[in-house]
Amino acid sequence: MDQKIVVEIFGESYPLKTDRDPEYLKKLASFVDREMRAVAQRGNFSGARVGTLAALKFADEYFQIKRDFEELAELVRKK
């Protein structure tokens, strides 16, 4: 069942529908908001640049975790 919630990220409100736990989505939004605010504090960037730089940070973390997982999975396969 889809639920409607509103989250705020970097001063913008986003009405969303979710079939997941709304609290989980709020937690994600809060994380993104914190990361964008941290990026914004490092320089005088526009909102779009802040979002892009935060997305690059998320992508970097994702690829690092994915690489670590693949290395661990390979070790498990070898045993």
N, C-alpha and C. Protein backbone atom coordinates (compact mmCIF):
# COMPACT_ATOMS: atom_id res chain seq x y z
N MET A 1 0.84 -1.18 0.00
CA MET A 1 0.00 0.00 0.00
C MET A 1 0.89 1.25 0.00
N ASP A 2 0.71 2.11 -0.97
CA ASP A 2 1.48 3.34 -1.05
C ASP A 2 1.03 4.33 0.01
N GLN A 3 2.02 4.93 0.66
CA GLN A 3 1.73 5.98 1.63
C GLN A 3 2.36 7.26 1.11
N LYS A 4 1.72 8.37 1.39
CA LYS A 4 2.24 9.67 0.99
C LYS A 4 2.92 10.32 2.18
N ILE A 5 4.13 10.82 1.94
CA ILE A 5 4.84 11.57 2.97
C ILE A 5 5.51 12.76 2.30
N VAL A 6 5.93 13.70 3.10
CA VAL A 6 6.68 14.85 2.61
C VAL A 6 8.00 14.87 3.37
N VAL A 7 9.09 14.95 2.62
CA VAL A 7 10.41 15.05 3.24
C VAL A 7 11.03 16.37 2.80
N GLU A 8 11.96 16.87 3.59
CA GLU A 8 12.65 18.10 3.23
C GLU A 8 14.13 17.78 3.06
N ILE A 9 14.66 18.21 1.92
CA ILE A 9 16.07 18.02 1.62
C ILE A 9 16.62 19.34 1.12
N PHE A 10 17.59 19.85 1.83
CA PHE A 10 18.30 21.08 1.46
C PHE A 10 17.33 22.22 1.19
N GLY A 11 16.35 22.34 2.08
CA GLY A 11 15.41 23.46 2.02
C GLY A 11 14.26 23.28 1.04
N GLU A 12 14.18 22.15 0.40
CA GLU A 12 13.10 21.87 -0.55
C GLU A 12 12.22 20.75 -0.01
N SER A 13 10.91 20.89 -0.19
CA SER A 13 9.97 19.84 0.22
C SER A 13 9.70 18.93 -0.96
N TYR A 14 9.67 17.64 -0.68
CA TYR A 14 9.41 16.63 -1.70
C TYR A 14 8.26 15.73 -1.25
N PRO A 15 7.11 15.85 -1.88
CA PRO A 15 6.02 14.91 -1.59
C PRO A 15 6.33 13.59 -2.30
N LEU A 16 6.30 12.52 -1.55
CA LEU A 16 6.67 11.21 -2.08
C LEU A 16 5.61 10.17 -1.75
N LYS A 17 5.55 9.15 -2.59
CA LYS A 17 4.75 7.97 -2.31
C LYS A 17 5.72 6.82 -2.07
N THR A 18 5.41 5.99 -1.10
CA THR A 18 6.28 4.86 -0.82
C THR A 18 5.47 3.66 -0.38
N ASP A 19 5.94 2.48 -0.74
CA ASP A 19 5.35 1.25 -0.23
C ASP A 19 6.24 0.67 0.88
N ARG A 20 7.27 1.43 1.23
CA ARG A 20 8.17 1.05 2.32
C ARG A 20 7.76 1.78 3.60
N ASP A 21 8.47 1.49 4.64
CA ASP A 21 8.25 2.16 5.92
C ASP A 21 8.56 3.65 5.74
N PRO A 22 7.60 4.53 5.98
CA PRO A 22 7.85 5.97 5.81
C PRO A 22 9.01 6.48 6.66
N GLU A 23 9.21 5.89 7.81
CA GLU A 23 10.32 6.32 8.67
C GLU A 23 11.66 6.04 8.01
N TYR A 24 11.74 4.94 7.26
CA TYR A 24 12.96 4.62 6.53
C TYR A 24 13.23 5.69 5.48
N LEU A 25 12.22 6.07 4.74
CA LEU A 25 12.38 7.11 3.72
C LEU A 25 12.75 8.44 4.35
N LYS A 26 12.18 8.76 5.49
CA LYS A 26 12.54 9.99 6.21
C LYS A 26 14.00 9.94 6.65
N LYS A 27 14.46 8.77 7.07
CA LYS A 27 15.84 8.60 7.48
C LYS A 27 16.78 8.81 6.28
N LEU A 28 16.42 8.27 5.13
CA LEU A 28 17.21 8.48 3.92
C LEU A 28 17.28 9.96 3.56
N ALA A 29 16.13 10.62 3.60
CA ALA A 29 16.07 12.04 3.26
C ALA A 29 16.92 12.86 4.23
N SER A 30 16.88 12.52 5.49
CA SER A 30 17.67 13.23 6.48
C SER A 30 19.17 13.04 6.22
N PHE A 31 19.54 11.84 5.83
CA PHE A 31 20.95 11.56 5.50
C PHE A 31 21.39 12.40 4.31
N VAL A 32 20.58 12.42 3.26
CA VAL A 32 20.90 13.20 2.06
C VAL A 32 20.99 14.68 2.41
N ASP A 33 20.06 15.17 3.22
CA ASP A 33 20.07 16.56 3.64
C ASP A 33 21.36 16.90 4.38
N ARG A 34 21.76 16.06 5.32
CA ARG A 34 23.00 16.31 6.08
C ARG A 34 24.21 16.34 5.15
N GLU A 35 24.27 15.39 4.22
CA GLU A 35 25.41 15.34 3.31
C GLU A 35 25.45 16.57 2.40
N MET A 36 24.30 16.99 1.91
CA MET A 36 24.27 18.18 1.05
C MET A 36 24.68 19.42 1.83
N ARG A 37 24.24 19.52 3.07
CA ARG A 37 24.62 20.67 3.90
C ARG A 37 26.12 20.66 4.19
N ALA A 38 26.68 19.48 4.38
CA ALA A 38 28.13 19.36 4.61
C ALA A 38 28.90 19.81 3.37
N VAL A 39 28.43 19.42 2.20
CA VAL A 39 29.07 19.84 0.95
C VAL A 39 28.96 21.36 0.81
N ALA A 40 27.79 21.90 1.09
CA ALA A 40 27.56 23.35 0.94
C ALA A 40 28.48 24.16 1.86
N GLN A 41 28.81 23.61 3.02
CA GLN A 41 29.68 24.34 3.95
C GLN A 41 31.11 24.42 3.45
N ARG A 42 31.47 23.53 2.52
CA ARG A 42 32.85 23.51 2.02
C ARG A 42 33.11 24.55 0.93
N GLY A 43 32.07 25.18 0.44
CA GLY A 43 32.28 26.17 -0.61
C GLY A 43 30.99 26.90 -0.94
N ASN A 44 31.11 27.87 -1.81
CA ASN A 44 29.95 28.65 -2.21
C ASN A 44 29.38 28.05 -3.50
N PHE A 45 28.60 26.98 -3.36
CA PHE A 45 28.07 26.26 -4.49
C PHE A 45 26.57 26.51 -4.64
N SER A 46 26.08 26.44 -5.88
CA SER A 46 24.65 26.51 -6.12
C SER A 46 24.01 25.21 -5.67
N GLY A 47 22.69 25.22 -5.53
CA GLY A 47 21.98 24.01 -5.12
C GLY A 47 22.25 22.84 -6.04
N ALA A 48 22.29 23.09 -7.35
CA ALA A 48 22.54 22.00 -8.30
C ALA A 48 23.94 21.43 -8.11
N ARG A 49 24.90 22.29 -7.89
CA ARG A 49 26.28 21.79 -7.67
C ARG A 49 26.38 21.02 -6.36
N VAL A 50 25.70 21.50 -5.36
CA VAL A 50 25.71 20.79 -4.07
C VAL A 50 25.16 19.39 -4.28
N GLY A 51 24.04 19.29 -4.99
CA GLY A 51 23.43 17.98 -5.26
C GLY A 51 24.35 17.08 -6.06
N THR A 52 25.01 17.64 -7.07
CA THR A 52 25.92 16.86 -7.89
C THR A 52 27.13 16.38 -7.09
N LEU A 53 27.70 17.26 -6.29
CA LEU A 53 28.86 16.87 -5.47
C LEU A 53 28.47 15.84 -4.42
N ALA A 54 27.30 15.99 -3.82
CA ALA A 54 26.83 14.99 -2.86
C ALA A 54 26.60 13.66 -3.56
N ALA A 55 26.04 13.69 -4.77
CA ALA A 55 25.81 12.46 -5.54
C ALA A 55 27.14 11.77 -5.86
N LEU A 56 28.16 12.55 -6.19
CA LEU A 56 29.48 11.96 -6.45
C LEU A 56 30.03 11.29 -5.19
N LYS A 57 29.81 11.93 -4.05
CA LYS A 57 30.25 11.32 -2.78
C LYS A 57 29.52 10.02 -2.53
N PHE A 58 28.20 10.00 -2.76
CA PHE A 58 27.42 8.78 -2.58
C PHE A 58 27.90 7.69 -3.54
N ALA A 59 28.16 8.07 -4.79
CA ALA A 59 28.61 7.10 -5.79
C ALA A 59 29.96 6.52 -5.38
N ASP A 60 30.86 7.36 -4.90
CA ASP A 60 32.17 6.89 -4.45
C ASP A 60 32.01 5.88 -3.32
N GLU A 61 31.19 6.21 -2.34
CA GLU A 61 30.96 5.29 -1.22
C GLU A 61 30.34 3.98 -1.70
N TYR A 62 29.39 4.07 -2.63
CA TYR A 62 28.74 2.88 -3.17
C TYR A 62 29.77 1.99 -3.87
N PHE A 63 30.59 2.57 -4.74
CA PHE A 63 31.57 1.76 -5.47
C PHE A 63 32.61 1.15 -4.54
N GLN A 64 33.00 1.87 -3.49
CA GLN A 64 33.94 1.31 -2.53
C GLN A 64 33.32 0.12 -1.79
N ILE A 65 32.08 0.27 -1.36
CA ILE A 65 31.39 -0.82 -0.66
C ILE A 65 31.18 -2.00 -1.60
N LYS A 66 30.81 -1.73 -2.83
CA LYS A 66 30.61 -2.80 -3.82
C LYS A 66 31.91 -3.55 -4.07
N ARG A 67 33.02 -2.81 -4.22
CA ARG A 67 34.32 -3.45 -4.42
C ARG A 67 34.69 -4.32 -3.22
N ASP A 68 34.50 -3.78 -2.01
CA ASP A 68 34.80 -4.54 -0.80
C ASP A 68 33.95 -5.80 -0.72
N PHE A 69 32.67 -5.68 -1.06
CA PHE A 69 31.78 -6.84 -1.04
C PHE A 69 32.24 -7.90 -2.04
N GLU A 70 32.58 -7.46 -3.25
CA GLU A 70 33.04 -8.41 -4.27
C GLU A 70 34.32 -9.10 -3.86
N GLU A 71 35.25 -8.37 -3.23
CA GLU A 71 36.48 -8.99 -2.73
C GLU A 71 36.17 -10.00 -1.64
N LEU A 72 35.27 -9.66 -0.75
CA LEU A 72 34.89 -10.59 0.32
C LEU A 72 34.19 -11.82 -0.25
N ALA A 73 33.30 -11.61 -1.20
CA ALA A 73 32.60 -12.73 -1.84
C ALA A 73 33.59 -13.65 -2.54
N GLU A 74 34.61 -13.09 -3.16
CA GLU A 74 35.64 -13.90 -3.82
C GLU A 74 36.42 -14.71 -2.80
N LEU A 75 36.75 -14.11 -1.66
CA LEU A 75 37.44 -14.85 -0.60
C LEU A 75 36.60 -16.02 -0.10
N VAL A 76 35.30 -15.78 0.06
CA VAL A 76 34.41 -16.83 0.53
C VAL A 76 34.33 -17.95 -0.49
N ARG A 77 34.26 -17.62 -1.79
CA ARG A 77 34.20 -18.63 -2.85
C ARG A 77 35.45 -19.50 -2.87
N LYS A 78 36.60 -18.89 -2.56
CA LYS A 78 37.86 -19.63 -2.60
C LYS A 78 38.00 -20.60 -1.44
N LYS A 79 37.25 -20.37 -0.36
CA LYS A 79 37.36 -21.25 0.82
C LYS A 79 36.47 -22.44 0.72
